[in-house]
Amino acid sequence: DAYWSFVVVCMMFGTFLSAWCAVTSPAIVDIAGIDLLTSGFGTLTFVRGFAALIGPPIAGYLVDQTENMDNAFYLSAALLFTSGVICGFSWIAQKVIAKKRSKAST
């Protein structure tokens, strides 16, 4: 029973991770334009690397202070949720700005 649960989670992880990789470049082009694709991708890579560098020590410190491993996962989930909310608001703001620009140009 645990084996098949692991198989299903692995399949879901692989599917969702592939979407993350496939969507990165088109999203950067949509946000920054084709001229700034390399700069945008470099900035995104820097931010991801910085998060990967500081995330584990922060999680370890949290586990050491609270003596509960669950808190590291709760922190990770909260930060991921916050990131999703910020991305959602930025997407909405981008659409509103694009709509205002199209009205101004007509």
PDB file of N, CA and C in Angstrom:
ATOM      1  N   ASP A   1       0.824  -1.201   0.000  1.00  0.00           N
ATOM      2  CA  ASP A   1       0.000   0.000   0.000  1.00  0.00           C
ATOM      3  C   ASP A   1       0.863   1.259   0.000  1.00  0.00           C
ATOM      4  N   ALA A   2       1.891   1.286   0.823  1.00  0.00           N
ATOM      5  CA  ALA A   2       2.767   2.450   0.869  1.00  0.00           C
ATOM      6  C   ALA A   2       3.568   2.593  -0.430  1.00  0.00           C
ATOM      7  N   TYR A   3       3.881   1.458  -1.056  1.00  0.00           N
ATOM      8  CA  TYR A   3       4.634   1.493  -2.314  1.00  0.00           C
ATOM      9  C   TYR A   3       3.844   2.220  -3.390  1.00  0.00           C
ATOM     10  N   TRP A   4       2.563   1.887  -3.531  1.00  0.00           N
ATOM     11  CA  TRP A   4       1.753   2.510  -4.581  1.00  0.00           C
ATOM     12  C   TRP A   4       1.488   3.981  -4.286  1.00  0.00           C
ATOM     13  N   SER A   5       1.383   4.325  -3.038  1.00  0.00           N
ATOM     14  CA  SER A   5       1.263   5.742  -2.683  1.00  0.00           C
ATOM     15  C   SER A   5       2.516   6.493  -3.106  1.00  0.00           C
ATOM     16  N   PHE A   6       3.671   5.884  -2.873  1.00  0.00           N
ATOM     17  CA  PHE A   6       4.935   6.492  -3.275  1.00  0.00           C
ATOM     18  C   PHE A   6       5.013   6.631  -4.795  1.00  0.00           C
ATOM     19  N   VAL A   7       4.566   5.619  -5.528  1.00  0.00           N
ATOM     20  CA  VAL A   7       4.573   5.670  -6.992  1.00  0.00           C
ATOM     21  C   VAL A   7       3.688   6.803  -7.488  1.00  0.00           C
ATOM     22  N   VAL A   8       2.510   6.951  -6.920  1.00  0.00           N
ATOM     23  CA  VAL A   8       1.589   8.016  -7.345  1.00  0.00           C
ATOM     24  C   VAL A   8       2.185   9.387  -7.057  1.00  0.00           C
ATOM     25  N   VAL A   9       2.764   9.559  -5.881  1.00  0.00           N
ATOM     26  CA  VAL A   9       3.373  10.851  -5.538  1.00  0.00           C
ATOM     27  C   VAL A   9       4.550  11.146  -6.467  1.00  0.00           C
ATOM     28  N   CYS A  10       5.358  10.153  -6.785  1.00  0.00           N
ATOM     29  CA  CYS A  10       6.484  10.353  -7.699  1.00  0.00           C
ATOM     30  C   CYS A  10       6.008  10.744  -9.093  1.00  0.00           C
ATOM     31  N   MET A  11       4.942  10.122  -9.562  1.00  0.00           N
ATOM     32  CA  MET A  11       4.402  10.466 -10.877  1.00  0.00           C
ATOM     33  C   MET A  11       3.858  11.893 -10.887  1.00  0.00           C
ATOM     34  N   MET A  12       3.169  12.270  -9.828  1.00  0.00           N
ATOM     35  CA  MET A  12       2.650  13.636  -9.737  1.00  0.00           C
ATOM     36  C   MET A  12       3.793  14.635  -9.688  1.00  0.00           C
ATOM     37  N   PHE A  13       4.826  14.334  -8.905  1.00  0.00           N
ATOM     38  CA  PHE A  13       5.972  15.228  -8.788  1.00  0.00           C
ATOM     39  C   PHE A  13       6.644  15.411 -10.152  1.00  0.00           C
ATOM     40  N   GLY A  14       6.869  14.324 -10.866  1.00  0.00           N
ATOM     41  CA  GLY A  14       7.493  14.418 -12.180  1.00  0.00           C
ATOM     42  C   GLY A  14       6.667  15.207 -13.169  1.00  0.00           C
ATOM     43  N   THR A  15       5.367  15.010 -13.140  1.00  0.00           N
ATOM     44  CA  THR A  15       4.483  15.736 -14.045  1.00  0.00           C
ATOM     45  C   THR A  15       4.489  17.229 -13.738  1.00  0.00           C
ATOM     46  N   PHE A  16       4.345  17.581 -12.480  1.00  0.00           N
ATOM     47  CA  PHE A  16       4.296  18.992 -12.116  1.00  0.00           C
ATOM     48  C   PHE A  16       5.644  19.670 -12.281  1.00  0.00           C
ATOM     49  N   LEU A  17       6.727  18.965 -12.026  1.00  0.00           N
ATOM     50  CA  LEU A  17       8.054  19.540 -12.195  1.00  0.00           C
ATOM     51  C   LEU A  17       8.347  19.813 -13.661  1.00  0.00           C
ATOM     52  N   SER A  18       7.886  18.943 -14.541  1.00  0.00           N
ATOM     53  CA  SER A  18       8.109  19.179 -15.965  1.00  0.00           C
ATOM     54  C   SER A  18       7.351  20.416 -16.432  1.00  0.00           C
ATOM     55  N   ALA A  19       6.178  20.658 -15.898  1.00  0.00           N
ATOM     56  CA  ALA A  19       5.427  21.858 -16.256  1.00  0.00           C
ATOM     57  C   ALA A  19       6.155  23.105 -15.783  1.00  0.00           C
ATOM     58  N   TRP A  20       6.770  23.029 -14.607  1.00  0.00           N
ATOM     59  CA  TRP A  20       7.504  24.174 -14.066  1.00  0.00           C
ATOM     60  C   TRP A  20       8.666  24.545 -14.992  1.00  0.00           C
ATOM     61  N   CYS A  21       9.387  23.558 -15.471  1.00  0.00           N
ATOM     62  CA  CYS A  21      10.517  23.818 -16.375  1.00  0.00           C
ATOM     63  C   CYS A  21      10.045  24.325 -17.734  1.00  0.00           C
ATOM     64  N   ALA A  22       8.947  23.772 -18.239  1.00  0.00           N
ATOM     65  CA  ALA A  22       8.460  24.155 -19.561  1.00  0.00           C
ATOM     66  C   ALA A  22       7.851  25.551 -19.585  1.00  0.00           C
ATOM     67  N   VAL A  23       7.350  26.014 -18.470  1.00  0.00           N
ATOM     68  CA  VAL A  23       6.647  27.297 -18.426  1.00  0.00           C
ATOM     69  C   VAL A  23       7.587  28.465 -18.121  1.00  0.00           C
ATOM     70  N   THR A  24       8.775  28.203 -17.606  1.00  0.00           N
ATOM     71  CA  THR A  24       9.662  29.273 -17.155  1.00  0.00           C
ATOM     72  C   THR A  24      10.006  30.261 -18.274  1.00  0.00           C
ATOM     73  N   SER A  25      10.539  29.795 -19.364  1.00  0.00           N
ATOM     74  CA  SER A  25      10.951  30.707 -20.443  1.00  0.00           C
ATOM     75  C   SER A  25       9.787  31.480 -21.048  1.00  0.00           C
ATOM     76  N   PRO A  26       8.662  30.831 -21.399  1.00  0.00           N
ATOM     77  CA  PRO A  26       7.536  31.627 -21.916  1.00  0.00           C
ATOM     78  C   PRO A  26       7.012  32.645 -20.917  1.00  0.00           C
ATOM     79  N   ALA A  27       7.049  32.325 -19.634  1.00  0.00           N
ATOM     80  CA  ALA A  27       6.573  33.276 -18.632  1.00  0.00           C
ATOM     81  C   ALA A  27       7.493  34.489 -18.559  1.00  0.00           C
ATOM     82  N   ILE A  28       8.801  34.257 -18.629  1.00  0.00           N
ATOM     83  CA  ILE A  28       9.744  35.380 -18.604  1.00  0.00           C
ATOM     84  C   ILE A  28       9.560  36.251 -19.838  1.00  0.00           C
ATOM     85  N   VAL A  29       9.366  35.632 -21.000  1.00  0.00           N
ATOM     86  CA  VAL A  29       9.147  36.404 -22.228  1.00  0.00           C
ATOM     87  C   VAL A  29       7.860  37.201 -22.123  1.00  0.00           C
ATOM     88  N   ASP A  30       6.829  36.610 -21.550  1.00  0.00           N
ATOM     89  CA  ASP A  30       5.552  37.308 -21.395  1.00  0.00           C
ATOM     90  C   ASP A  30       5.675  38.497 -20.448  1.00  0.00           C
ATOM     91  N   ILE A  31       6.477  38.348 -19.406  1.00  0.00           N
ATOM     92  CA  ILE A  31       6.615  39.409 -18.411  1.00  0.00           C
ATOM     93  C   ILE A  31       7.611  40.476 -18.856  1.00  0.00           C
ATOM     94  N   ALA A  32       8.795  40.052 -19.306  1.00  0.00           N
ATOM     95  CA  ALA A  32       9.878  41.003 -19.580  1.00  0.00           C
ATOM     96  C   ALA A  32      10.105  41.270 -21.061  1.00  0.00           C
ATOM     97  N   GLY A  33       9.595  40.426 -21.930  1.00  0.00           N
ATOM     98  CA  GLY A  33       9.833  40.592 -23.357  1.00  0.00           C
ATOM     99  C   GLY A  33      11.027  39.759 -23.799  1.00  0.00           C
ATOM    100  N   ILE A  34      11.083  39.514 -25.093  1.00  0.00           N
ATOM    101  CA  ILE A  34      12.139  38.664 -25.639  1.00  0.00           C
ATOM    102  C   ILE A  34      13.516  39.305 -25.491  1.00  0.00           C
ATOM    103  N   ASP A  35      13.583  40.625 -25.501  1.00  0.00           N
ATOM    104  CA  ASP A  35      14.874  41.314 -25.377  1.00  0.00           C
ATOM    105  C   ASP A  35      15.522  41.087 -24.016  1.00  0.00           C
ATOM    106  N   LEU A  36      14.729  40.898 -22.987  1.00  0.00           N
ATOM    107  CA  LEU A  36      15.256  40.729 -21.635  1.00  0.00           C
ATOM    108  C   LEU A  36      15.173  39.285 -21.137  1.00  0.00           C
ATOM    109  N   LEU A  37      15.042  38.332 -22.069  1.00  0.00           N
ATOM    110  CA  LEU A  37      14.926  36.931 -21.666  1.00  0.00           C
ATOM    111  C   LEU A  37      16.165  36.465 -20.911  1.00  0.00           C
ATOM    112  N   THR A  38      17.348  36.770 -21.414  1.00  0.00           N
ATOM    113  CA  THR A  38      18.562  36.288 -20.745  1.00  0.00           C
ATOM    114  C   THR A  38      18.743  36.945 -19.381  1.00  0.00           C
ATOM    115  N   SER A  39      18.471  38.233 -19.290  1.00  0.00           N
ATOM    116  CA  SER A  39      18.580  38.912 -17.997  1.00  0.00           C
ATOM    117  C   SER A  39      17.537  38.401 -17.013  1.00  0.00           C
ATOM    118  N   GLY A  40      16.332  38.210 -17.488  1.00  0.00           N
ATOM    119  CA  GLY A  40      15.272  37.698 -16.624  1.00  0.00           C
ATOM    120  C   GLY A  40      15.562  36.286 -16.153  1.00  0.00           C
ATOM    121  N   PHE A  41      16.073  35.451 -17.055  1.00  0.00           N
ATOM    122  CA  PHE A  41      16.388  34.078 -16.665  1.00  0.00           C
ATOM    123  C   PHE A  41      17.557  34.055 -15.681  1.00  0.00           C
ATOM    124  N   GLY A  42      18.543  34.931 -15.886  1.00  0.00           N
ATOM    125  CA  GLY A  42      19.661  35.022 -14.946  1.00  0.00           C
ATOM    126  C   GLY A  42      19.214  35.477 -13.569  1.00  0.00           C
ATOM    127  N   THR A  43      18.337  36.461 -13.534  1.00  0.00           N
ATOM    128  CA  THR A  43      17.814  36.943 -12.253  1.00  0.00           C
ATOM    129  C   THR A  43      17.007  35.854 -11.553  1.00  0.00           C
ATOM    130  N   LEU A  44      16.179  35.153 -12.317  1.00  0.00           N
ATOM    131  CA  LEU A  44      15.398  34.067 -11.738  1.00  0.00           C
ATOM    132  C   LEU A  44      16.297  32.966 -11.191  1.00  0.00           C
ATOM    133  N   THR A  45      17.345  32.623 -11.912  1.00  0.00           N
ATOM    134  CA  THR A  45      18.281  31.602 -11.458  1.00  0.00           C
ATOM    135  C   THR A  45      18.997  32.055 -10.189  1.00  0.00           C
ATOM    136  N   PHE A  46      19.365  33.331 -10.121  1.00  0.00           N
ATOM    137  CA  PHE A  46      20.003  33.861  -8.916  1.00  0.00           C
ATOM    138  C   PHE A  46      19.077  33.765  -7.716  1.00  0.00           C
ATOM    139  N   VAL A  47      17.827  34.157  -7.894  1.00  0.00           N
ATOM    140  CA  VAL A  47      16.877  34.136  -6.783  1.00  0.00           C
ATOM    141  C   VAL A  47      16.623  32.704  -6.321  1.00  0.00           C
ATOM    142  N   ARG A  48      16.474  31.787  -7.266  1.00  0.00           N
ATOM    143  CA  ARG A  48      16.271  30.378  -6.906  1.00  0.00           C
ATOM    144  C   ARG A  48      17.493  29.828  -6.162  1.00  0.00           C
ATOM    145  N   GLY A  49      18.682  30.182  -6.638  1.00  0.00           N
ATOM    146  CA  GLY A  49      19.901  29.719  -5.979  1.00  0.00           C
ATOM    147  C   GLY A  49      20.042  30.289  -4.584  1.00  0.00           C
ATOM    148  N   PHE A  50      19.707  31.560  -4.424  1.00  0.00           N
ATOM    149  CA  PHE A  50      19.768  32.189  -3.108  1.00  0.00           C
ATOM    150  C   PHE A  50      18.795  31.515  -2.144  1.00  0.00           C
ATOM    151  N   ALA A  51      17.587  31.215  -2.631  1.00  0.00           N
ATOM    152  CA  ALA A  51      16.602  30.535  -1.785  1.00  0.00           C
ATOM    153  C   ALA A  51      17.090  29.139  -1.398  1.00  0.00           C
ATOM    154  N   ALA A  52      17.720  28.447  -2.351  1.00  0.00           N
ATOM    155  CA  ALA A  52      18.243  27.111  -2.055  1.00  0.00           C
ATOM    156  C   ALA A  52      19.417  27.175  -1.081  1.00  0.00           C
ATOM    157  N   LEU A  53      20.138  28.295  -1.088  1.00  0.00           N
ATOM    158  CA  LEU A  53      21.280  28.456  -0.199  1.00  0.00           C
ATOM    159  C   LEU A  53      20.856  28.759   1.234  1.00  0.00           C
ATOM    160  N   ILE A  54      19.855  29.609   1.411  1.00  0.00           N
ATOM    161  CA  ILE A  54      19.477  30.010   2.766  1.00  0.00           C
ATOM    162  C   ILE A  54      18.335  29.185   3.361  1.00  0.00           C
ATOM    163  N   GLY A  55      17.577  28.465   2.508  1.00  0.00           N
ATOM    164  CA  GLY A  55      16.427  27.708   3.001  1.00  0.00           C
ATOM    165  C   GLY A  55      16.764  26.618   3.999  1.00  0.00           C
ATOM    166  N   PRO A  56      17.690  25.711   3.674  1.00  0.00           N
ATOM    167  CA  PRO A  56      17.991  24.631   4.623  1.00  0.00           C
ATOM    168  C   PRO A  56      18.538  25.110   5.967  1.00  0.00           C
ATOM    169  N   PRO A  57      19.434  26.105   6.016  1.00  0.00           N
ATOM    170  CA  PRO A  57      19.863  26.566   7.345  1.00  0.00           C
ATOM    171  C   PRO A  57      18.727  27.179   8.172  1.00  0.00           C
ATOM    172  N   ILE A  58      17.836  27.891   7.513  1.00  0.00           N
ATOM    173  CA  ILE A  58      16.701  28.471   8.236  1.00  0.00           C
ATOM    174  C   ILE A  58      15.794  27.366   8.761  1.00  0.00           C
ATOM    175  N   ALA A  59      15.537  26.362   7.929  1.00  0.00           N
ATOM    176  CA  ALA A  59      14.705  25.233   8.372  1.00  0.00           C
ATOM    177  C   ALA A  59      15.390  24.483   9.511  1.00  0.00           C
ATOM    178  N   GLY A  60      16.690  24.287   9.406  1.00  0.00           N
ATOM    179  CA  GLY A  60      17.420  23.613  10.483  1.00  0.00           C
ATOM    180  C   GLY A  60      17.385  24.395  11.773  1.00  0.00           C
ATOM    181  N   TYR A  61      17.539  25.713  11.691  1.00  0.00           N
ATOM    182  CA  TYR A  61      17.463  26.565  12.879  1.00  0.00           C
ATOM    183  C   TYR A  61      16.072  26.468  13.513  1.00  0.00           C
ATOM    184  N   LEU A  62      15.041  26.479  12.669  1.00  0.00           N
ATOM    185  CA  LEU A  62      13.677  26.378  13.174  1.00  0.00           C
ATOM    186  C   LEU A  62      13.452  25.043  13.887  1.00  0.00           C
ATOM    187  N   VAL A  63      13.955  23.966  13.303  1.00  0.00           N
ATOM    188  CA  VAL A  63      13.816  22.650  13.936  1.00  0.00           C
ATOM    189  C   VAL A  63      14.590  22.605  15.253  1.00  0.00           C
ATOM    190  N   ASP A  64      15.796  23.185  15.276  1.00  0.00           N
ATOM    191  CA  ASP A  64      16.582  23.203  16.510  1.00  0.00           C
ATOM    192  C   ASP A  64      15.898  23.998  17.614  1.00  0.00           C
ATOM    193  N   GLN A  65      15.278  25.108  17.266  1.00  0.00           N
ATOM    194  CA  GLN A  65      14.640  25.957  18.263  1.00  0.00           C
ATOM    195  C   GLN A  65      13.336  25.367  18.784  1.00  0.00           C
ATOM    196  N   THR A  66      12.559  24.769  17.898  1.00  0.00           N
ATOM    197  CA  THR A  66      11.243  24.269  18.307  1.00  0.00           C
ATOM    198  C   THR A  66      11.247  22.784  18.648  1.00  0.00           C
ATOM    199  N   GLU A  67      12.316  22.088  18.278  1.00  0.00           N
ATOM    200  CA  GLU A  67      12.440  20.643  18.476  1.00  0.00           C
ATOM    201  C   GLU A  67      11.259  19.878  17.858  1.00  0.00           C
ATOM    202  N   ASN A  68      10.779  20.390  16.744  1.00  0.00           N
ATOM    203  CA  ASN A  68       9.676  19.755  16.027  1.00  0.00           C
ATOM    204  C   ASN A  68       9.952  19.876  14.529  1.00  0.00           C
ATOM    205  N   MET A  69      10.142  18.746  13.869  1.00  0.00           N
ATOM    206  CA  MET A  69      10.446  18.766  12.438  1.00  0.00           C
ATOM    207  C   MET A  69       9.281  19.252  11.593  1.00  0.00           C
ATOM    208  N   ASP A  70       8.090  19.109  12.071  1.00  0.00           N
ATOM    209  CA  ASP A  70       6.922  19.516  11.293  1.00  0.00           C
ATOM    210  C   ASP A  70       6.949  21.005  10.975  1.00  0.00           C
ATOM    211  N   ASN A  71       7.515  21.808  11.849  1.00  0.00           N
ATOM    212  CA  ASN A  71       7.533  23.253  11.643  1.00  0.00           C
ATOM    213  C   ASN A  71       8.315  23.652  10.391  1.00  0.00           C
ATOM    214  N   ALA A  72       9.351  22.918  10.047  1.00  0.00           N
ATOM    215  CA  ALA A  72      10.098  23.214   8.819  1.00  0.00           C
ATOM    216  C   ALA A  72       9.209  23.018   7.599  1.00  0.00           C
ATOM    217  N   PHE A  73       8.378  21.996   7.616  1.00  0.00           N
ATOM    218  CA  PHE A  73       7.470  21.758   6.497  1.00  0.00           C
ATOM    219  C   PHE A  73       6.354  22.796   6.461  1.00  0.00           C
ATOM    220  N   TYR A  74       5.878  23.196   7.628  1.00  0.00           N
ATOM    221  CA  TYR A  74       4.858  24.250   7.671  1.00  0.00           C
ATOM    222  C   TYR A  74       5.417  25.565   7.139  1.00  0.00           C
ATOM    223  N   LEU A  75       6.665  25.876   7.490  1.00  0.00           N
ATOM    224  CA  LEU A  75       7.302  27.093   6.975  1.00  0.00           C
ATOM    225  C   LEU A  75       7.432  27.020   5.463  1.00  0.00           C
ATOM    226  N   SER A  76       7.870  25.884   4.963  1.00  0.00           N
ATOM    227  CA  SER A  76       8.014  25.710   3.520  1.00  0.00           C
ATOM    228  C   SER A  76       6.671  25.873   2.818  1.00  0.00           C
ATOM    229  N   ALA A  77       5.629  25.273   3.352  1.00  0.00           N
ATOM    230  CA  ALA A  77       4.302  25.392   2.742  1.00  0.00           C
ATOM    231  C   ALA A  77       3.798  26.831   2.788  1.00  0.00           C
ATOM    232  N   ALA A  78       4.034  27.521   3.893  1.00  0.00           N
ATOM    233  CA  ALA A  78       3.586  28.913   4.012  1.00  0.00           C
ATOM    234  C   ALA A  78       4.314  29.812   3.017  1.00  0.00           C
ATOM    235  N   LEU A  79       5.613  29.598   2.864  1.00  0.00           N
ATOM    236  CA  LEU A  79       6.369  30.415   1.916  1.00  0.00           C
ATOM    237  C   LEU A  79       5.972  30.110   0.479  1.00  0.00           C
ATOM    238  N   LEU A  80       5.697  28.857   0.174  1.00  0.00           N
ATOM    239  CA  LEU A  80       5.249  28.491  -1.163  1.00  0.00           C
ATOM    240  C   LEU A  80       3.879  29.095  -1.456  1.00  0.00           C
ATOM    241  N   PHE A  81       2.988  29.069  -0.475  1.00  0.00           N
ATOM    242  CA  PHE A  81       1.673  29.682  -0.641  1.00  0.00           C
ATOM    243  C   PHE A  81       1.803  31.192  -0.848  1.00  0.00           C
ATOM    244  N   THR A  82       2.667  31.822  -0.056  1.00  0.00           N
ATOM    245  CA  THR A  82       2.894  33.265  -0.201  1.00  0.00           C
ATOM    246  C   THR A  82       3.438  33.589  -1.591  1.00  0.00           C
ATOM    247  N   SER A  83       4.350  32.775  -2.077  1.00  0.00           N
ATOM    248  CA  SER A  83       4.885  32.966  -3.420  1.00  0.00           C
ATOM    249  C   SER A  83       3.786  32.866  -4.472  1.00  0.00           C
ATOM    250  N   GLY A  84       2.896  31.905  -4.308  1.00  0.00           N
ATOM    251  CA  GLY A  84       1.784  31.760  -5.240  1.00  0.00           C
ATOM    252  C   GLY A  84       0.859  32.963  -5.230  1.00  0.00           C
ATOM    253  N   VAL A  85       0.594  33.487  -4.047  1.00  0.00           N
ATOM    254  CA  VAL A  85      -0.267  34.674  -3.937  1.00  0.00           C
ATOM    255  C   VAL A  85       0.396  35.882  -4.605  1.00  0.00           C
ATOM    256  N   ILE A  86       1.686  36.064  -4.370  1.00  0.00           N
ATOM    257  CA  ILE A  86       2.409  37.178  -4.992  1.00  0.00           C
ATOM    258  C   ILE A  86       2.405  37.037  -6.509  1.00  0.00           C
ATOM    259  N   CYS A  87       2.636  35.823  -6.999  1.00  0.00           N
ATOM    260  CA  CYS A  87       2.609  35.599  -8.450  1.00  0.00           C
ATOM    261  C   CYS A  87       1.224  35.878  -9.017  1.00  0.00           C
ATOM    262  N   GLY A  88       0.191  35.472  -8.297  1.00  0.00           N
ATOM    263  CA  GLY A  88      -1.169  35.740  -8.757  1.00  0.00           C
ATOM    264  C   GLY A  88      -1.470  37.220  -8.826  1.00  0.00           C
ATOM    265  N   PHE A  89      -1.085  37.966  -7.797  1.00  0.00           N
ATOM    266  CA  PHE A  89      -1.304  39.415  -7.806  1.00  0.00           C
ATOM    267  C   PHE A  89      -0.482  40.103  -8.887  1.00  0.00           C
ATOM    268  N   SER A  90       0.744  39.645  -9.107  1.00  0.00           N
ATOM    269  CA  SER A  90       1.557  40.270 -10.153  1.00  0.00           C
ATOM    270  C   SER A  90       0.981  39.989 -11.531  1.00  0.00           C
ATOM    271  N   TRP A  91       0.413  38.795 -11.730  1.00  0.00           N
ATOM    272  CA  TRP A  91      -0.222  38.479 -13.011  1.00  0.00           C
ATOM    273  C   TRP A  91      -1.440  39.372 -13.241  1.00  0.00           C
ATOM    274  N   ILE A  92      -2.241  39.560 -12.188  1.00  0.00           N
ATOM    275  CA  ILE A  92      -3.409  40.437 -12.299  1.00  0.00           C
ATOM    276  C   ILE A  92      -2.970  41.868 -12.583  1.00  0.00           C
ATOM    277  N   ALA A  93      -1.946  42.342 -11.881  1.00  0.00           N
ATOM    278  CA  ALA A  93      -1.452  43.708 -12.113  1.00  0.00           C
ATOM    279  C   ALA A  93      -0.935  43.867 -13.533  1.00  0.00           C
ATOM    280  N   GLN A  94      -0.254  42.860 -14.047  1.00  0.00           N
ATOM    281  CA  GLN A  94       0.264  42.927 -15.412  1.00  0.00           C
ATOM    282  C   GLN A  94      -0.880  43.023 -16.417  1.00  0.00           C
ATOM    283  N   LYS A  95      -1.934  42.268 -16.213  1.00  0.00           N
ATOM    284  CA  LYS A  95      -3.084  42.309 -17.121  1.00  0.00           C
ATOM    285  C   LYS A  95      -3.787  43.661 -17.051  1.00  0.00           C
ATOM    286  N   VAL A  96      -3.920  44.229 -15.853  1.00  0.00           N
ATOM    287  CA  VAL A  96      -4.558  45.541 -15.709  1.00  0.00           C
ATOM    288  C   VAL A  96      -3.723  46.616 -16.410  1.00  0.00           C
ATOM    289  N   ILE A  97      -2.403  46.560 -16.235  1.00  0.00           N
ATOM    290  CA  ILE A  97      -1.527  47.543 -16.885  1.00  0.00           C
ATOM    291  C   ILE A  97      -1.598  47.401 -18.399  1.00  0.00           C
ATOM    292  N   ALA A  98      -1.615  46.174 -18.899  1.00  0.00           N
ATOM    293  CA  ALA A  98      -1.696  45.957 -20.348  1.00  0.00           C
ATOM    294  C   ALA A  98      -3.020  46.474 -20.895  1.00  0.00           C
ATOM    295  N   LYS A  99      -4.110  46.284 -20.139  1.00  0.00           N
ATOM    296  CA  LYS A  99      -5.411  46.780 -20.579  1.00  0.00           C
ATOM    297  C   LYS A  99      -5.424  48.303 -20.609  1.00  0.00           C
ATOM    298  N   LYS A 100      -4.817  48.957 -19.600  1.00  0.00           N
ATOM    299  CA  LYS A 100      -4.763  50.416 -19.587  1.00  0.00           C
ATOM    300  C   LYS A 100      -3.920  50.945 -20.742  1.00  0.00           C
ATOM    301  N   ARG A 101      -2.821  50.266 -21.031  1.00  0.00           N
ATOM    302  CA  ARG A 101      -1.978  50.698 -22.163  1.00  0.00           C
ATOM    303  C   ARG A 101      -2.693  50.546 -23.495  1.00  0.00           C
ATOM    304  N   SER A 102      -3.457  49.488 -23.648  1.00  0.00           N
ATOM    305  CA  SER A 102      -4.183  49.293 -24.911  1.00  0.00           C
ATOM    306  C   SER A 102      -5.294  50.327 -25.059  1.00  0.00           C
ATOM    307  N   LYS A 103      -5.936  50.713 -23.958  1.00  0.00           N
ATOM    308  CA  LYS A 103      -6.956  51.763 -24.034  1.00  0.00           C
ATOM    309  C   LYS A 103      -6.322  53.124 -24.333  1.00  0.00           C
ATOM    310  N   ALA A 104      -5.132  53.374 -23.766  1.00  0.00           N
ATOM    311  CA  ALA A 104      -4.467  54.650 -23.982  1.00  0.00           C
ATOM    312  C   ALA A 104      -3.971  54.793 -25.412  1.00  0.00           C
ATOM    313  N   SER A 105      -3.611  53.680 -26.046  1.00  0.00           N
ATOM    314  CA  SER A 105      -3.074  53.751 -27.414  1.00  0.00           C
ATOM    315  C   SER A 105      -4.167  53.826 -28.458  1.00  0.00           C
ATOM    316  N   THR A 106      -5.424  53.558 -28.070  1.00  0.00           N
ATOM    317  CA  THR A 106      -6.514  53.610 -29.066  1.00  0.00           C
ATOM    318  C   THR A 106      -7.237  54.916 -29.063  1.00  0.00           C
TER     319      THR A 106
END
